[in-house]
Amino acid sequence: MSSKKTSGLNYFSEDSAGFRVQPKTVLIMSLVYIGIVVLLHIYSKLGAPATPGAQPPSPTDSPNNAEQPHTEETL
């Protein structure tokens, strides 16, 4: 009667079928994904190119710089 004792966790059992991924691989893939998302957020804030066909607003379009009607005063 021999019993085999294993120390630690057994992540993979031979009787299971399917895709096998080690926990370290999952951790690295998760960190890479998070890093890509952070970089894309930074890229979008720092100056992503404007959408094609869109024009920036001109200074005369803002309500503060709207042209006032010209009135001629006679002296």
Protein backbone atom coordinates (compact mmCIF):
# COMPACT_ATOMS: atom_id res chain seq x y z
CA MET A 1 0.00 0.00 0.00
CA SER A 2 2.00 2.85 -1.26
CA SER A 3 0.56 6.29 -1.37
CA LYS A 4 2.11 9.06 -3.36
CA LYS A 5 1.87 12.45 -1.68
CA THR A 6 2.38 15.55 -3.73
CA SER A 7 3.33 18.85 -2.27
CA GLY A 8 1.91 22.08 -3.59
CA LEU A 9 -0.91 22.56 -6.03
CA ASN A 10 -1.52 20.31 -8.96
CA TYR A 11 -2.60 22.63 -11.80
CA PHE A 12 -2.78 20.01 -14.51
CA SER A 13 -4.26 16.60 -14.14
CA GLU A 14 -3.65 14.06 -16.84
CA ASP A 15 -7.31 13.09 -17.12
CA SER A 16 -8.51 16.55 -18.20
CA ALA A 17 -8.65 17.49 -21.83
CA GLY A 18 -8.39 20.95 -23.30
CA PHE A 19 -6.10 23.90 -23.61
CA ARG A 20 -3.45 24.06 -20.90
CA VAL A 21 -2.04 27.41 -19.82
CA GLN A 22 0.21 27.98 -16.88
CA PRO A 23 -0.79 30.65 -14.35
CA LYS A 24 2.37 32.64 -15.07
CA THR A 25 1.40 32.85 -18.76
CA VAL A 26 -2.07 34.15 -17.86
CA LEU A 27 -0.55 36.78 -15.59
CA ILE A 28 1.86 38.00 -18.26
CA MET A 29 -0.87 38.12 -20.92
CA SER A 30 -3.12 40.10 -18.55
CA LEU A 31 -0.39 42.63 -17.78
CA VAL A 32 0.38 43.08 -21.48
CA TYR A 33 -3.31 43.68 -22.20
CA ILE A 34 -3.58 46.25 -19.39
CA GLY A 35 -0.44 47.99 -20.67
CA ILE A 36 -1.83 48.23 -24.20
CA VAL A 37 -5.08 49.73 -22.92
CA VAL A 38 -3.20 52.31 -20.84
CA LEU A 39 -1.01 53.27 -23.81
CA LEU A 40 -4.04 53.67 -26.05
CA HIS A 41 -5.66 55.97 -23.49
CA ILE A 42 -2.51 58.08 -23.31
CA TYR A 43 -2.28 58.19 -27.10
CA SER A 44 -5.87 59.37 -27.40
CA LYS A 45 -5.32 62.17 -24.88
CA LEU A 46 -2.02 63.46 -26.28
CA GLY A 47 -3.01 64.12 -29.82
CA ALA A 48 -4.66 61.49 -31.84
CA PRO A 49 -5.27 62.72 -35.38
CA ALA A 50 -8.61 64.41 -35.94
CA THR A 51 -11.32 62.60 -37.80
CA PRO A 52 -10.98 63.00 -41.56
CA GLY A 53 -13.01 65.85 -42.96
CA ALA A 54 -13.47 67.58 -39.62
CA GLN A 55 -12.26 71.15 -39.48
CA PRO A 56 -11.21 72.88 -36.29
CA PRO A 57 -13.48 75.72 -35.23
CA SER A 58 -12.34 79.13 -36.38
CA PRO A 59 -11.94 81.94 -33.83
CA THR A 60 -14.93 83.81 -35.29
CA ASP A 61 -17.24 80.86 -34.61
CA SER A 62 -17.06 81.18 -30.85
CA PRO A 63 -19.79 83.24 -29.16
CA ASN A 64 -17.25 85.43 -27.32
CA ASN A 65 -15.67 86.59 -30.57
CA ALA A 66 -18.87 87.03 -32.53
CA GLU A 67 -18.87 90.05 -34.77
CA GLN A 68 -20.89 92.94 -33.47
CA PRO A 69 -22.96 94.87 -35.97
CA HIS A 70 -21.11 97.92 -37.18
CA THR A 71 -22.89 101.15 -36.54
CA GLU A 72 -21.65 104.39 -37.98
CA GLU A 73 -21.79 107.30 -35.68
CA THR A 74 -21.94 110.71 -37.18
CA LEU A 75 -20.16 113.50 -35.43
